Amino acid sequence: MNSVRRFFAIAKHDFYLEDAQRAFSSLGLDLRVSNNLESIQEEIIRNARCCTVFFPHYSEIVDVEEFPNVTLIGFHTGSLPRDRGGSPVQNKILKREYLTEVSAIRLESKLDSGAIYTRRKIDLSDGNIEGILRKISILISSMMVEIATSDLVPKPQPDFSEMNKRLQQSDSELPNIADMQEIFDRIRMVDGLDYPKAFINQGNYKIYFSNAVKNGNHISARAYFEIGE
């Protein structure tokens, strides 16, 4: 049986895979990457006892029961176990808890409940969501290398039942508020990937906002109009 350790990375966005491949190649380690778990599932199962599969950002539930004897590792932004659940970056920004951490966790059937391999600090106080995720991607790639090259023993999380809700498309609509910081955060936290841009409804059209810049009590942003049918 082939006992050489093998590494896989599955991610929704290509930059996670590119960052990880650069980090691994600098150490002479091979990393097989894909945007789709099904496309390499057979290869993973074939090498089950000697492979580690990383999920930097996948946005889909992985059925761990389909991968017996495989080490599956996901990554979660927020303080675990308190910040379990969907849209973790956006939920931390909405709480104004900008200084937080990214954890590497063993995937289990219960969402975000697995033992923690390692944690790294991250600051969410500036930048749009794409810029933030790219910063997180660099951090995750270094965590992946640490796990691949060390004998880290994951530490179980305390029990915790509450879960954050994943943002819906309707949550991109800006509420009627006068808090400049919240308006700024709500624009930037959906400006880039995965969610519709922040918007307001005005009669028979919507106004979408991006590229927000906050200067004291003023916010400048790019706006475009969409006429309803």
Protein backbone atom coordinates (compact mmCIF):
# COMPACT_ATOMS: atom_id res chain seq x y z
CA MET A 1 0.00 0.00 0.00
CA ASN A 2 1.21 3.51 -0.81
CA SER A 3 2.09 5.13 2.54
CA VAL A 4 3.32 8.46 1.15
CA ARG A 5 1.30 11.27 2.70
CA ARG A 6 -0.95 12.96 0.14
CA PHE A 7 -2.62 16.36 0.40
CA PHE A 8 -5.75 17.70 -1.27
CA ALA A 9 -7.43 21.10 -1.18
CA ILE A 10 -11.03 21.82 -2.21
CA ALA A 11 -12.22 25.42 -2.44
CA LYS A 12 -14.98 27.46 -4.03
CA HIS A 13 -12.68 30.27 -5.20
CA ASP A 14 -9.47 29.73 -7.17
CA PHE A 15 -7.32 32.12 -5.14
CA TYR A 16 -7.51 29.80 -2.11
CA LEU A 17 -6.12 26.98 -4.21
CA GLU A 18 -3.44 29.15 -5.83
CA ASP A 19 -2.22 30.47 -2.45
CA ALA A 20 -2.13 26.95 -1.02
CA GLN A 21 -0.24 25.55 -4.01
CA ARG A 22 2.38 28.30 -3.75
CA ALA A 23 2.85 27.62 -0.04
CA PHE A 24 3.19 23.86 -0.56
CA SER A 25 5.44 24.08 -3.63
CA SER A 26 7.89 26.32 -1.74
CA LEU A 27 8.49 23.34 0.56
CA GLY A 28 8.54 20.76 -2.22
CA LEU A 29 5.17 19.29 -1.17
CA ASP A 30 2.59 18.14 -3.68
CA LEU A 31 -0.96 19.44 -3.31
CA ARG A 32 -3.82 18.25 -5.50
CA VAL A 33 -6.52 20.94 -5.86
CA SER A 34 -10.05 21.17 -7.18
CA ASN A 35 -13.16 23.37 -7.02
CA ASN A 36 -15.34 20.29 -6.82
CA LEU A 37 -15.14 17.50 -4.26
CA GLU A 38 -16.90 14.93 -6.44
CA SER A 39 -14.28 15.21 -9.16
CA ILE A 40 -11.53 13.80 -6.92
CA GLN A 41 -13.61 11.87 -4.38
CA GLU A 42 -12.57 8.45 -5.70
CA GLU A 43 -8.88 9.37 -5.54
CA ILE A 44 -9.29 10.56 -1.95
CA ILE A 45 -11.08 7.40 -0.85
CA ARG A 46 -8.48 5.25 -2.63
CA ASN A 47 -5.76 6.92 -0.53
CA ALA A 48 -7.90 7.28 2.59
CA ARG A 49 -5.43 6.24 5.27
CA CYS A 50 -2.57 8.35 3.98
CA CYS A 51 -4.19 11.61 2.91
CA THR A 52 -5.36 14.90 4.36
CA VAL A 53 -8.07 16.94 2.66
CA PHE A 54 -8.29 20.69 3.34
CA PHE A 55 -11.40 22.80 2.73
CA PRO A 56 -10.29 26.46 2.86
CA HIS A 57 -13.70 27.79 1.71
CA TYR A 58 -16.20 25.39 0.24
CA SER A 59 -19.68 26.70 1.26
CA GLU A 60 -21.19 23.22 1.06
CA ILE A 61 -21.83 20.62 3.73
CA VAL A 62 -19.36 17.73 3.44
CA ASP A 63 -20.82 14.35 4.31
CA VAL A 64 -17.99 13.03 6.46
CA GLU A 65 -19.58 9.57 6.56
CA GLU A 66 -18.61 9.15 2.90
CA PHE A 67 -14.91 9.48 3.81
CA PRO A 68 -14.06 6.89 6.46
CA ASN A 69 -10.45 7.01 7.67
CA VAL A 70 -9.82 10.31 5.80
CA THR A 71 -8.52 13.35 7.67
CA LEU A 72 -10.85 16.21 6.66
CA ILE A 73 -9.94 19.73 7.82
CA GLY A 74 -12.00 22.87 7.41
CA PHE A 75 -11.37 26.50 8.35
CA HIS A 76 -13.66 28.86 10.22
CA THR A 77 -13.41 32.56 10.95
CA GLY A 78 -14.60 33.58 14.41
CA SER A 79 -14.19 32.50 18.02
CA LEU A 80 -15.17 28.87 18.36
CA PRO A 81 -17.40 27.49 19.66
CA ARG A 82 -19.37 30.74 20.10
CA ASP A 83 -19.24 31.76 16.42
CA ARG A 84 -20.33 28.51 14.80
CA GLY A 85 -22.59 28.75 11.77
CA GLY A 86 -22.91 30.44 8.39
CA SER A 87 -21.56 33.74 7.03
CA PRO A 88 -18.93 33.91 9.81
CA VAL A 89 -17.04 36.94 8.49
CA GLN A 90 -20.20 38.98 7.91
CA ASN A 91 -21.61 38.04 11.31
CA LYS A 92 -18.41 39.15 13.06
CA ILE A 93 -18.44 42.45 11.17
CA LEU A 94 -22.10 43.08 12.06
CA LYS A 95 -21.21 42.52 15.73
CA ARG A 96 -18.23 44.90 15.29
CA GLU A 97 -15.99 42.18 16.66
CA TYR A 98 -13.30 42.94 14.09
CA LEU A 99 -10.36 41.36 15.90
CA THR A 100 -10.97 37.63 15.75
CA GLU A 101 -9.29 34.45 14.57
CA VAL A 102 -9.30 31.72 11.95
CA SER A 103 -9.36 28.14 13.21
CA ALA A 104 -8.41 24.92 11.45
CA ILE A 105 -10.89 22.27 12.58
CA ARG A 106 -11.50 18.60 11.99
CA LEU A 107 -14.71 18.19 10.01
CA GLU A 108 -17.45 16.30 11.82
CA SER A 109 -21.11 15.67 11.14
CA LYS A 110 -22.11 18.58 13.40
CA LEU A 111 -21.24 21.90 11.75
CA ASP A 112 -18.10 23.67 13.02
CA SER A 113 -17.89 21.41 16.08
CA GLY A 114 -14.66 19.52 15.37
CA ALA A 115 -11.44 19.59 17.34
CA ILE A 116 -9.15 22.55 16.63
CA TYR A 117 -5.67 22.02 15.17
CA THR A 118 -4.46 25.61 15.25
CA ARG A 119 -5.68 29.23 15.31
CA ARG A 120 -4.43 32.48 13.81
CA LYS A 121 -5.44 36.10 14.52
CA ILE A 122 -7.19 38.17 11.83
CA ASP A 123 -8.42 41.79 11.65
CA LEU A 124 -11.71 42.40 9.80
CA SER A 125 -11.89 46.15 10.44
CA ASP A 126 -11.01 47.28 6.92
CA GLY A 127 -11.47 46.27 3.28
CA ASN A 128 -14.29 44.77 1.25
CA ILE A 129 -15.20 41.11 1.53
CA GLU A 130 -13.03 40.01 -1.38
CA GLY A 131 -9.98 41.72 0.12
CA ILE A 132 -10.72 40.20 3.52
CA LEU A 133 -11.13 36.69 2.08
CA ARG A 134 -7.87 37.02 0.15
CA LYS A 135 -6.13 37.98 3.38
CA ILE A 136 -7.72 34.98 5.10
CA SER A 137 -6.62 32.77 2.20
CA ILE A 138 -2.94 33.65 2.79
CA LEU A 139 -3.38 32.89 6.47
CA ILE A 140 -5.06 29.55 5.76
CA SER A 141 -2.34 28.48 3.33
CA SER A 142 0.26 28.90 6.08
CA MET A 143 -1.95 26.95 8.49
CA MET A 144 -2.25 24.14 5.96
CA VAL A 145 1.54 23.94 5.69
CA GLU A 146 1.87 23.91 9.48
CA ILE A 147 -0.55 20.98 9.71
CA ALA A 148 1.13 19.13 6.84
CA THR A 149 4.62 19.49 8.33
CA SER A 150 3.87 19.12 12.06
CA ASP A 151 2.34 16.54 14.35
CA LEU A 152 -0.39 18.78 15.68
CA VAL A 153 -2.87 17.14 18.04
CA PRO A 154 -6.33 18.74 17.64
CA LYS A 155 -7.99 19.91 20.85
CA PRO A 156 -11.74 19.27 21.32
CA GLN A 157 -14.09 22.24 21.50
CA PRO A 158 -16.38 22.85 24.47
CA ASP A 159 -20.03 21.97 23.93
CA PHE A 160 -22.13 24.80 22.47
CA SER A 161 -25.56 24.66 20.85
CA GLU A 162 -26.11 28.13 19.31
CA MET A 163 -25.41 28.72 15.61
CA ASN A 164 -25.11 31.90 13.58
CA LYS A 165 -27.49 32.13 10.63
CA ARG A 166 -26.18 32.32 7.09
CA LEU A 167 -26.96 35.59 5.32
CA GLN A 168 -29.73 35.53 2.73
CA GLN A 169 -29.85 37.64 -0.43
CA SER A 170 -32.44 39.86 1.22
CA ASP A 171 -29.94 40.70 3.98
CA SER A 172 -27.99 42.80 1.45
CA GLU A 173 -30.74 45.42 1.61
CA LEU A 174 -29.56 48.37 3.70
CA PRO A 175 -31.82 49.04 6.70
CA ASN A 176 -33.12 52.51 7.49
CA ILE A 177 -30.39 53.52 9.94
CA ALA A 178 -28.28 56.59 10.69
CA ASP A 179 -25.25 54.71 12.02
CA MET A 180 -22.42 55.46 9.60
CA GLN A 181 -20.24 52.59 10.78
CA GLU A 182 -23.00 50.05 10.23
CA ILE A 183 -23.77 51.41 6.76
CA PHE A 184 -20.07 51.25 5.88
CA ASP A 185 -19.76 47.69 7.23
CA ARG A 186 -22.93 46.49 5.48
CA ILE A 187 -21.67 47.75 2.12
CA ARG A 188 -18.14 46.34 2.37
CA MET A 189 -19.10 42.97 3.87
CA VAL A 190 -20.97 41.93 0.69
CA ASP A 191 -18.84 43.85 -1.81
CA GLY A 192 -17.08 41.22 -3.89
CA LEU A 193 -17.99 37.55 -3.56
CA ASP A 194 -20.85 35.19 -2.69
CA TYR A 195 -23.60 37.72 -1.94
CA PRO A 196 -25.50 40.47 -3.82
CA LYS A 197 -24.06 43.93 -3.28
CA ALA A 198 -25.69 46.16 -0.66
CA PHE A 199 -28.75 47.94 -2.05
CA ILE A 200 -31.77 50.08 -1.28
CA ASN A 201 -35.18 49.94 -2.94
CA GLN A 202 -36.43 53.22 -4.33
CA GLY A 203 -39.75 53.04 -6.13
CA ASN A 204 -39.41 50.85 -9.20
CA TYR A 205 -35.61 50.60 -9.07
CA LYS A 206 -32.78 49.45 -6.81
CA ILE A 207 -29.57 51.31 -6.05
CA TYR A 208 -26.54 49.07 -5.46
CA PHE A 209 -23.42 50.25 -3.60
CA SER A 210 -19.76 49.22 -3.72
CA ASN A 211 -16.24 50.60 -3.06
CA ALA A 212 -17.28 52.28 0.18
CA VAL A 213 -14.84 54.66 1.88
CA LYS A 214 -15.57 56.09 5.32
CA ASN A 215 -14.21 59.49 6.35
CA GLY A 216 -15.53 60.60 9.72
CA ASN A 217 -19.29 60.99 9.43
CA HIS A 218 -19.22 60.71 5.63
CA ILE A 219 -19.26 57.67 3.36
CA SER A 220 -18.49 57.75 -0.33
CA ALA A 221 -19.42 54.78 -2.51
CA ARG A 222 -19.97 53.82 -6.13
CA ALA A 223 -23.66 53.41 -6.97
CA TYR A 224 -25.53 51.94 -9.90
CA PHE A 225 -29.23 51.77 -10.64
CA GLU A 226 -31.29 48.79 -11.71
CA ILE A 227 -34.75 49.41 -13.12
CA GLY A 228 -37.37 46.88 -12.06
CA GLU A 229 -39.45 44.98 -14.59
